[in-house]
């Protein structure tokens, strides 16, 4: 049975995002919310240099930011963990550049 857990959006900002193997992907710098159902759809993640390079995103103004669907998140705690490795995430088209 799925349990609803409420999280303050402010608590997500600044959390590190890591892949399932422990590689740091970056930090949460915001979120996207659907006004249709008031659910978070994406996390805006400021990528680390390594993750930006591996995922193929170009840095603009010193860093690359992407929108990562929350469906790729497996756990939220002290850090946010994805359900895949960085190399597996590279294979997905779901991670897109965030419009500013």
Protein backbone atom coordinates (compact mmCIF):
# COMPACT_ATOMS: atom_id res chain seq x y z
CA UNK A 1 0.00 0.00 0.00
CA UNK A 2 1.40 3.38 -1.03
CA UNK A 3 1.81 5.80 1.84
CA UNK A 4 1.46 9.54 1.27
CA UNK A 5 4.32 11.52 2.73
CA UNK A 6 4.20 15.29 2.80
CA UNK A 7 7.45 17.18 2.28
CA UNK A 8 7.96 20.92 2.43
CA UNK A 9 9.32 22.05 -0.96
CA UNK A 10 11.83 24.28 0.82
CA UNK A 11 13.32 21.17 2.43
CA UNK A 12 14.15 19.72 -0.99
CA UNK A 13 16.19 22.72 -2.15
CA UNK A 14 19.89 22.22 -1.58
CA UNK A 15 19.68 18.44 -1.11
CA UNK A 16 22.28 16.42 -2.96
CA UNK A 17 20.99 14.11 -5.67
CA UNK A 18 22.88 10.83 -5.99
CA UNK A 19 22.49 7.83 -8.22
CA UNK A 20 21.89 4.35 -6.87
CA UNK A 21 25.67 3.68 -6.77
CA UNK A 22 26.37 6.81 -4.69
CA UNK A 23 27.69 9.10 -7.45
CA UNK A 24 26.73 12.72 -6.82
CA UNK A 25 24.65 14.05 -9.71
CA UNK A 26 24.14 17.53 -8.31
CA UNK A 27 21.89 19.58 -6.03
CA UNK A 28 18.18 20.38 -6.10
CA UNK A 29 17.61 24.01 -7.02
CA UNK A 30 13.84 24.00 -7.38
CA UNK A 31 10.91 21.94 -8.57
CA UNK A 32 8.18 21.94 -11.19
CA UNK A 33 4.59 21.47 -10.10
CA UNK A 34 1.61 20.54 -12.26
CA UNK A 35 -1.22 22.97 -11.59
CA UNK A 36 -3.59 20.37 -12.96
CA UNK A 37 -3.18 18.03 -9.98
CA UNK A 38 -0.79 20.02 -7.73
CA UNK A 39 1.90 17.32 -7.77
CA UNK A 40 5.61 17.76 -8.21
CA UNK A 41 6.52 16.49 -11.67
CA UNK A 42 10.22 17.36 -11.88
CA UNK A 43 13.13 18.39 -9.71
CA UNK A 44 15.43 21.09 -11.08
CA UNK A 45 18.93 19.74 -10.50
CA UNK A 46 22.12 21.76 -10.84
CA UNK A 47 24.46 19.07 -12.16
CA UNK A 48 27.98 18.41 -10.96
CA UNK A 49 30.66 18.82 -13.64
CA UNK A 50 31.06 15.04 -13.93
CA UNK A 51 27.33 14.41 -14.26
CA UNK A 52 26.87 17.22 -16.80
CA UNK A 53 29.65 15.80 -18.93
CA UNK A 54 28.42 12.19 -18.67
CA UNK A 55 24.79 13.13 -19.39
CA UNK A 56 25.81 15.35 -22.32
CA UNK A 57 24.53 18.70 -21.02
CA UNK A 58 26.47 21.87 -21.70
CA UNK A 59 27.24 24.19 -18.87
CA UNK A 60 25.78 27.65 -19.17
CA UNK A 61 27.02 30.37 -16.87
CA UNK A 62 29.21 27.90 -14.97
CA UNK A 63 26.77 25.01 -14.49
CA UNK A 64 24.15 22.88 -16.21
CA UNK A 65 20.65 22.53 -14.79
CA UNK A 66 18.20 19.84 -15.81
CA UNK A 67 14.64 18.86 -15.01
CA UNK A 68 14.57 15.33 -13.66
CA UNK A 69 11.20 13.58 -13.47
CA UNK A 70 10.29 12.52 -9.95
CA UNK A 71 9.53 9.07 -11.39
CA UNK A 72 13.31 8.54 -11.45
CA UNK A 73 13.59 9.15 -7.70
CA UNK A 74 13.67 6.09 -5.45
CA UNK A 75 14.17 7.73 -2.04
CA UNK A 76 14.14 11.10 -0.31
CA UNK A 77 16.00 11.54 2.96
CA UNK A 78 19.19 13.39 3.79
CA UNK A 79 19.89 13.01 0.07
CA UNK A 80 17.68 12.28 -2.92
CA UNK A 81 18.49 8.96 -4.57
CA UNK A 82 17.67 7.95 -8.13
CA UNK A 83 16.65 4.41 -9.03
CA UNK A 84 19.36 4.17 -11.72
CA UNK A 85 23.10 4.64 -12.18
CA UNK A 86 24.55 7.63 -13.98
CA UNK A 87 25.29 5.52 -17.07
CA UNK A 88 21.68 4.24 -17.08
CA UNK A 89 20.37 7.80 -16.70
CA UNK A 90 22.45 8.78 -19.74
CA UNK A 91 20.34 6.34 -21.78
CA UNK A 92 17.02 7.99 -20.85
CA UNK A 93 15.43 10.88 -22.72
CA UNK A 94 13.38 11.85 -19.65
CA UNK A 95 16.01 14.20 -18.23
CA UNK A 96 15.76 17.48 -20.11
CA UNK A 97 17.33 20.90 -19.92
CA UNK A 98 15.30 23.15 -17.63
CA UNK A 99 13.91 26.32 -19.12
CA UNK A 100 14.89 29.26 -16.96
